[in-house]
């Protein structure tokens, strides 16, 4: 089946109603939970096909030779149909698919309907937004959207004794029902913008329970912005590096050192190339015995998809430091994502001591996974 045939096959418009007035245009892949509209259209849907965006017209009272006209009624539109056609002689009673050019799709709210021989269909209220939240990043070659300012935390020290409030400053194009998603270690904290918050800062909370669950370490706070129809800002915000000093985990071993990172604990895929990622663990004789084993724990979260786990172990021996090599293929799977890296000391008696963690960011796109 072609793409168009699949769209028709899966469209609810294939079920004809009794009259034209009771039927409505179907827009495949449009979002259906939109405040003030029946469906929503985002940038990807409006611009994703060079031939135009698909609409499906139900087969209600449609016969060979009928004239079908499609209208979009909005404050900026004319009273003329944006497209029309005559039902062809080989028409087989199936729904009719046509494509609308992006220049004919108005921003904001509009009403879509069709006419057959001057009989008008039911109205479909549509909300269209193709502008990305946050505006155009003036420096897209660098990680982080330059117009999405770094978050602010209060209190300034995360020590696990109280909840932490994270403030996200207002952004360009801020709108009701935008969603802010804050990344804190392995947690994603969401907030949906209220009408009263438009143009103002919004606040999210990192709870004491979250801090206790992850313990002490170093993490980069950053957030993503998405709007009601699924458009996302072109990149995450500028990050804020924080030290997490949870008193309940003060006894933890020092965090490992990941080689090749910048000041934001980021590794660039272009610089990494085909190399592995080196992780160094200090093993001073005052803390580690020769027979101790060090287990590396790498917990990766890609931009999309399942969590990627990688483990390795080395015996200390007489070494003052151990170097683990995380395979390139493991790193490549995290392109655009991040990893939390820690280790565990296992003594000859079976005692296990966990280290603090460090959060590592993989900037760029995957090269190839062997």
Protein backbone atom coordinates (compact mmCIF):
# COMPACT_ATOMS: atom_id res chain seq x y z
CA UNK A 1 0.00 0.00 0.00
CA UNK A 2 1.09 3.57 -0.67
CA UNK A 3 1.22 6.16 2.12
CA UNK A 4 -2.00 7.75 0.86
CA UNK A 5 -3.77 4.37 0.74
CA UNK A 6 -2.70 3.65 4.32
CA UNK A 7 -3.97 7.05 5.47
CA UNK A 8 -7.36 6.34 3.90
CA UNK A 9 -7.47 2.81 5.31
CA UNK A 10 -6.84 4.05 8.86
CA UNK A 11 -9.02 7.16 8.69
CA UNK A 12 -12.30 7.28 10.64
CA UNK A 13 -13.69 9.05 7.56
CA UNK A 14 -14.05 5.64 5.89
CA UNK A 15 -17.23 5.21 7.93
CA UNK A 16 -19.87 7.17 6.06
CA UNK A 17 -22.57 9.12 7.91
CA UNK A 18 -26.15 9.38 6.73
CA UNK A 19 -25.84 12.96 5.50
CA UNK A 20 -23.12 15.34 4.36
CA UNK A 21 -24.09 17.77 7.12
CA UNK A 22 -23.22 15.17 9.76
CA UNK A 23 -19.82 14.27 8.31
CA UNK A 24 -16.52 16.10 8.80
CA UNK A 25 -13.11 16.31 7.19
CA UNK A 26 -10.49 14.06 8.80
CA UNK A 27 -6.88 15.23 9.17
CA UNK A 28 -4.70 12.13 9.69
CA UNK A 29 -2.15 12.44 12.53
CA UNK A 30 -3.70 15.65 13.88
CA UNK A 31 -3.70 15.90 17.68
CA UNK A 32 -7.11 15.43 19.24
CA UNK A 33 -6.81 16.84 22.79
CA UNK A 34 -6.64 20.55 22.11
CA UNK A 35 -8.11 23.33 24.23
CA UNK A 36 -10.77 25.15 22.20
CA UNK A 37 -10.48 23.04 19.03
CA UNK A 38 -11.38 19.59 17.71
CA UNK A 39 -7.85 18.90 16.44
CA UNK A 40 -4.43 20.53 16.33
CA UNK A 41 -1.79 20.79 13.62
CA UNK A 42 1.90 21.26 14.39
CA UNK A 43 4.91 22.21 12.28
CA UNK A 44 5.87 18.63 11.42
CA UNK A 45 2.39 17.76 10.18
CA UNK A 46 1.86 20.98 8.21
CA UNK A 47 5.29 20.89 6.54
CA UNK A 48 6.26 17.24 6.67
CA UNK A 49 5.26 16.24 3.12
CA UNK A 50 6.47 18.14 0.07
CA UNK A 51 3.17 17.34 -1.66
CA UNK A 52 1.13 18.94 1.11
CA UNK A 53 -0.76 17.83 4.22
CA UNK A 54 -3.32 15.06 3.75
CA UNK A 55 -7.02 15.46 4.46
CA UNK A 56 -9.64 12.74 4.01
CA UNK A 57 -13.22 13.39 2.89
CA UNK A 58 -15.85 10.80 3.89
CA UNK A 59 -17.73 8.98 1.07
CA UNK A 60 -21.12 10.28 2.27
CA UNK A 61 -23.39 11.09 -0.70
CA UNK A 62 -20.42 11.31 -3.06
CA UNK A 63 -20.96 10.20 -6.65
CA UNK A 64 -19.11 10.32 -9.95
CA UNK A 65 -19.18 13.82 -11.42
CA UNK A 66 -19.92 15.60 -8.12
CA UNK A 67 -18.00 18.77 -7.43
CA UNK A 68 -16.20 18.68 -4.07
CA UNK A 69 -14.92 21.96 -2.61
CA UNK A 70 -12.75 22.33 0.52
CA UNK A 71 -12.90 25.51 2.62
CA UNK A 72 -10.92 26.90 5.54
CA UNK A 73 -12.72 29.72 7.30
CA UNK A 74 -10.53 32.06 9.33
CA UNK A 75 -10.22 35.84 9.80
CA UNK A 76 -7.47 35.92 7.15
CA UNK A 77 -9.04 33.56 4.60
CA UNK A 78 -11.18 34.32 1.59
CA UNK A 79 -14.62 32.84 0.87
CA UNK A 80 -13.20 30.83 -2.03
CA UNK A 81 -12.37 27.13 -1.71
CA UNK A 82 -8.68 26.36 -1.16
CA UNK A 83 -9.06 23.36 -3.45
CA UNK A 84 -11.78 21.66 -5.44
CA UNK A 85 -12.13 18.64 -7.72
CA UNK A 86 -14.69 16.59 -9.61
CA UNK A 87 -15.22 13.00 -8.46
CA UNK A 88 -13.54 10.86 -11.18
CA UNK A 89 -15.27 8.27 -13.33
CA UNK A 90 -13.40 5.40 -11.66
CA UNK A 91 -14.57 6.37 -8.18
CA UNK A 92 -15.15 3.22 -6.09
CA UNK A 93 -17.01 4.57 -3.07
CA UNK A 94 -13.94 4.95 -0.88
CA UNK A 95 -13.00 8.07 1.14
CA UNK A 96 -11.29 10.74 -0.95
CA UNK A 97 -7.80 11.93 -0.01
CA UNK A 98 -6.44 15.29 -1.07
CA UNK A 99 -3.43 17.35 0.04
CA UNK A 100 -3.40 20.95 1.28
CA UNK A 101 -0.35 23.11 0.62
CA UNK A 102 1.33 24.65 3.66
CA UNK A 103 0.70 28.18 2.36
CA UNK A 104 -3.05 27.48 2.52
CA UNK A 105 -2.97 26.43 6.19
CA UNK A 106 -3.62 29.50 8.40
CA UNK A 107 -2.04 29.87 11.83
CA UNK A 108 -4.31 29.92 14.87
CA UNK A 109 -7.93 28.86 15.01
CA UNK A 110 -9.95 28.15 11.88
CA UNK A 111 -12.92 26.09 10.74
CA UNK A 112 -12.54 23.44 8.03
CA UNK A 113 -15.42 22.00 5.99
CA UNK A 114 -16.27 20.79 2.51
CA UNK A 115 -19.20 21.16 0.11
CA UNK A 116 -20.64 18.66 -2.33
CA UNK A 117 -22.96 20.21 -4.91
CA UNK A 118 -23.37 23.18 -2.52
CA UNK A 119 -24.32 20.98 0.46
CA UNK A 120 -22.04 21.86 3.38
CA UNK A 121 -20.43 19.33 5.72
CA UNK A 122 -20.16 19.64 9.48
CA UNK A 123 -17.46 22.05 10.75
CA UNK A 124 -14.09 20.90 12.08
CA UNK A 125 -12.50 23.43 14.43
CA UNK A 126 -8.72 23.37 13.96
CA UNK A 127 -5.84 24.99 15.83
CA UNK A 128 -2.61 25.43 13.86
CA UNK A 129 0.77 26.36 15.32
CA UNK A 130 3.95 25.93 13.29
CA UNK A 131 6.25 28.32 15.18
CA UNK A 132 8.54 26.53 17.63
CA UNK A 133 8.36 27.60 21.29
CA UNK A 134 11.41 29.51 22.43
CA UNK A 135 12.00 31.20 19.09
CA UNK A 136 14.95 30.70 16.74
CA UNK A 137 18.20 29.74 18.46
CA UNK A 138 20.79 32.37 17.39
CA UNK A 139 23.64 29.87 17.89
CA UNK A 140 22.28 26.43 16.94
CA UNK A 141 25.80 25.05 16.46
CA UNK A 142 26.27 25.02 20.27
CA UNK A 143 24.47 22.70 22.71
CA UNK A 144 21.58 24.35 24.50
CA UNK A 145 19.09 26.90 23.13
CA UNK A 146 20.68 30.33 23.66
CA UNK A 147 17.25 31.94 24.25
CA UNK A 148 16.16 29.42 26.90
CA UNK A 149 17.95 30.77 29.94
CA UNK A 150 19.48 28.51 32.56
CA UNK A 151 17.20 27.52 35.47
CA UNK A 152 17.53 29.12 38.89
CA UNK A 153 17.39 27.09 42.11
CA UNK A 154 16.43 28.01 45.68
CA UNK A 155 18.00 27.16 48.06
CA UNK A 156 21.28 27.39 46.12
CA UNK A 157 22.66 24.23 47.79
CA UNK A 158 20.97 20.86 47.25
CA UNK A 159 21.65 18.95 50.46
CA UNK A 160 18.53 16.84 50.87
CA UNK A 161 17.23 18.68 53.94
CA UNK A 162 14.38 20.40 52.07
CA UNK A 163 12.59 20.56 48.75
CA UNK A 164 14.28 22.66 46.08
CA UNK A 165 12.35 25.12 43.93
CA UNK A 166 13.53 25.45 40.33
CA UNK A 167 12.51 28.63 38.52
CA UNK A 168 12.25 28.70 34.73
CA UNK A 169 12.22 32.20 33.27
CA UNK A 170 9.64 33.12 30.59
CA UNK A 171 10.49 32.27 26.98
CA UNK A 172 9.67 33.65 23.55
CA UNK A 173 6.27 32.55 22.27
CA UNK A 174 5.17 31.35 25.73
CA UNK A 175 1.59 30.11 25.53
CA UNK A 176 -1.14 28.56 27.63
CA UNK A 177 -0.67 24.75 27.86
CA UNK A 178 3.03 24.83 26.97
CA UNK A 179 4.82 22.09 28.89
CA UNK A 180 8.12 22.59 30.72
CA UNK A 181 10.05 19.38 31.43
CA UNK A 182 12.94 19.70 33.88
CA UNK A 183 15.69 17.06 33.88
CA UNK A 184 17.04 16.30 37.36
CA UNK A 185 19.40 13.29 37.32
CA UNK A 186 17.04 10.48 36.27
CA UNK A 187 13.83 12.40 36.99
CA UNK A 188 11.70 14.34 34.52
CA UNK A 189 9.55 16.92 36.28
CA UNK A 190 6.75 18.47 34.23
CA UNK A 191 4.71 21.64 34.53
CA UNK A 192 1.93 22.80 32.23
CA UNK A 193 1.66 26.57 31.83
CA UNK A 194 -1.51 28.21 33.10
CA UNK A 195 -3.10 31.23 31.46
CA UNK A 196 -2.13 33.29 34.52
CA UNK A 197 1.54 32.33 34.05
CA UNK A 198 1.99 33.54 30.47
CA UNK A 199 4.91 35.99 30.38
CA UNK A 200 5.94 35.06 33.92
CA UNK A 201 8.40 32.62 35.49
CA UNK A 202 7.16 29.14 36.35
CA UNK A 203 8.27 26.99 39.25
CA UNK A 204 8.94 23.27 39.56
CA UNK A 205 9.89 21.29 42.66
CA UNK A 206 12.68 18.79 43.26
CA UNK A 207 11.43 16.92 46.32
CA UNK A 208 13.53 15.64 49.22
CA UNK A 209 12.49 12.13 48.18
CA UNK A 210 14.03 12.62 44.73
CA UNK A 211 17.25 13.92 46.24
CA UNK A 212 17.43 11.03 48.70
CA UNK A 213 16.80 8.46 45.96
CA UNK A 214 19.77 9.62 43.90
CA UNK A 215 22.18 10.60 46.63
CA UNK A 216 25.19 12.85 46.25
CA UNK A 217 26.82 13.73 42.98
CA UNK A 218 27.02 16.29 40.23
CA UNK A 219 24.20 16.96 37.80
CA UNK A 220 23.23 19.44 35.11
CA UNK A 221 19.77 20.97 35.44
CA UNK A 222 18.18 21.71 32.07
CA UNK A 223 14.68 21.83 30.67
CA UNK A 224 12.74 21.31 27.48
CA UNK A 225 9.76 23.28 26.17
CA UNK A 226 6.91 21.78 24.14
CA UNK A 227 3.64 23.39 23.10
CA UNK A 228 0.10 22.07 23.05
CA UNK A 229 0.30 20.63 19.54
CA UNK A 230 3.62 18.86 20.07
CA UNK A 231 6.11 21.37 18.69
CA UNK A 232 9.32 21.31 20.70
CA UNK A 233 11.95 24.00 21.12
CA UNK A 234 14.88 23.20 18.83
CA UNK A 235 17.11 22.32 21.81
CA UNK A 236 17.09 22.09 25.59
CA UNK A 237 17.85 25.12 27.72
CA UNK A 238 21.23 26.34 28.82
CA UNK A 239 22.18 24.13 31.77
CA UNK A 240 22.99 24.82 35.41
CA UNK A 241 25.63 22.52 36.94
CA UNK A 242 24.84 21.69 40.56
CA UNK A 243 26.60 19.73 43.31
CA UNK A 244 24.21 17.52 45.27
CA UNK A 245 25.42 17.12 48.84
CA UNK A 246 22.90 14.84 50.49
CA UNK A 247 23.99 14.33 54.12
CA UNK A 248 22.47 10.84 54.06
CA UNK A 249 25.06 9.85 51.44
CA UNK A 250 28.04 11.80 52.76
CA UNK A 251 29.92 8.52 53.26
CA UNK A 252 29.87 7.71 49.55
CA UNK A 253 33.12 7.39 47.66
CA UNK A 254 34.23 10.22 45.35
CA UNK A 255 32.63 10.30 41.91
CA UNK A 256 34.50 8.84 38.94
CA UNK A 257 36.20 11.08 36.41
CA UNK A 258 35.00 10.91 32.81
CA UNK A 259 37.75 11.92 30.39
CA UNK A 260 37.16 14.24 27.47
CA UNK A 261 34.31 16.28 28.95
CA UNK A 262 33.94 20.06 28.92
CA UNK A 263 32.81 22.38 31.71
CA UNK A 264 29.22 21.12 31.32
CA UNK A 265 30.25 17.45 31.57
CA UNK A 266 29.52 17.07 27.85
CA UNK A 267 31.25 14.90 25.27
CA UNK A 268 30.84 15.90 21.63
CA UNK A 269 30.17 13.01 19.28
CA UNK A 270 32.22 14.69 16.57
CA UNK A 271 35.26 14.79 18.87
CA UNK A 272 34.69 11.28 20.18
CA UNK A 273 34.61 9.76 16.71
CA UNK A 274 35.22 6.01 16.90
CA UNK A 275 36.94 6.16 20.30
CA UNK A 276 35.74 4.66 23.55
CA UNK A 277 34.89 6.80 26.60
CA UNK A 278 37.51 6.55 29.35
CA UNK A 279 36.34 6.58 32.97
CA UNK A 280 38.95 6.83 35.72
CA UNK A 281 38.40 5.71 39.31
CA UNK A 282 40.93 6.70 41.97
CA UNK A 283 41.84 3.71 44.20
CA UNK A 284 44.21 4.99 46.91
CA UNK A 285 45.72 2.34 49.17
CA UNK A 286 44.21 4.10 52.20
CA UNK A 287 40.74 3.14 50.98
CA UNK A 288 41.14 0.18 48.60
CA UNK A 289 42.83 -3.18 49.19
CA UNK A 290 44.58 -5.04 46.39
CA UNK A 291 41.87 -7.71 46.29
CA UNK A 292 39.01 -5.22 46.08
CA UNK A 293 36.92 -5.21 42.91
CA UNK A 294 35.53 -2.02 41.38
CA UNK A 295 32.28 -2.30 39.43
CA UNK A 296 31.50 0.47 36.97
CA UNK A 297 27.82 1.36 36.60
CA UNK A 298 26.79 3.29 33.48
CA UNK A 299 23.09 4.14 33.21
CA UNK A 300 22.32 5.82 29.91
CA UNK A 301 19.15 7.58 28.79
CA UNK A 302 19.06 8.21 25.02
CA UNK A 303 17.11 11.04 23.44
CA UNK A 304 14.36 8.48 22.79
CA UNK A 305 14.00 4.83 23.62
CA UNK A 306 14.89 2.48 26.44
CA UNK A 307 17.44 3.02 29.21
CA UNK A 308 20.87 1.66 28.24
CA UNK A 309 22.84 -0.10 30.99
CA UNK A 310 26.55 -0.95 30.83
CA UNK A 311 28.65 -2.55 33.55
CA UNK A 312 32.28 -3.55 33.86
CA UNK A 313 34.60 -4.64 36.68
CA UNK A 314 38.33 -4.52 37.45
CA UNK A 315 40.46 -5.73 40.35
CA UNK A 316 42.41 -3.00 42.12
CA UNK A 317 45.74 -4.77 42.58
CA UNK A 318 48.49 -2.27 43.37
CA UNK A 319 47.12 0.45 41.12
CA UNK A 320 46.37 3.96 42.40
CA UNK A 321 43.72 4.38 39.71
CA UNK A 322 41.69 2.18 37.39
CA UNK A 323 40.66 3.11 33.86
CA UNK A 324 37.47 1.70 32.36
CA UNK A 325 36.82 1.91 28.62
CA UNK A 326 33.16 2.26 27.71
CA UNK A 327 32.78 0.95 24.12
CA UNK A 328 32.05 3.46 21.37
CA UNK A 329 28.85 1.62 20.44
CA UNK A 330 27.51 2.17 23.98
CA UNK A 331 28.24 5.90 23.75
CA UNK A 332 26.78 6.17 20.24
CA UNK A 333 23.43 4.85 21.46
CA UNK A 334 23.19 7.87 23.76
CA UNK A 335 23.75 10.57 21.12
CA UNK A 336 21.67 13.54 22.21
CA UNK A 337 21.06 11.97 25.65
CA UNK A 338 22.99 11.50 28.88
CA UNK A 339 24.42 8.92 31.29
CA UNK A 340 24.82 8.76 35.05
CA UNK A 341 28.17 7.16 35.90
CA UNK A 342 29.12 5.72 39.29
CA UNK A 343 31.02 2.75 40.69
CA UNK A 344 30.86 0.27 43.56
CA UNK A 345 33.77 -0.95 45.69
CA UNK A 346 33.40 -4.66 46.56
CA UNK A 347 35.72 -5.90 49.33
CA UNK A 348 36.95 -9.45 49.87
CA UNK A 349 34.37 -9.82 52.64
CA UNK A 350 31.55 -8.85 50.29
CA UNK A 351 31.02 -5.32 51.65
CA UNK A 352 29.76 -2.92 48.98
CA UNK A 353 30.40 0.83 49.01
CA UNK A 354 28.80 3.03 46.38
CA UNK A 355 30.33 6.20 44.95
CA UNK A 356 28.80 9.54 44.17
CA UNK A 357 27.75 9.84 40.54
CA UNK A 358 28.59 12.19 37.72
CA UNK A 359 26.16 13.07 34.96
CA UNK A 360 27.57 12.97 31.43
CA UNK A 361 25.96 14.47 28.30
CA UNK A 362 26.48 13.18 24.77
CA UNK A 363 26.14 16.13 22.37
CA UNK A 364 25.47 15.53 18.69
CA UNK A 365 24.08 12.78 16.49
CA UNK A 366 24.99 9.13 16.27
CA UNK A 367 27.67 8.22 13.75
CA UNK A 368 27.10 4.50 13.43
CA UNK A 369 26.46 1.65 15.83
CA UNK A 370 28.62 -1.38 15.09
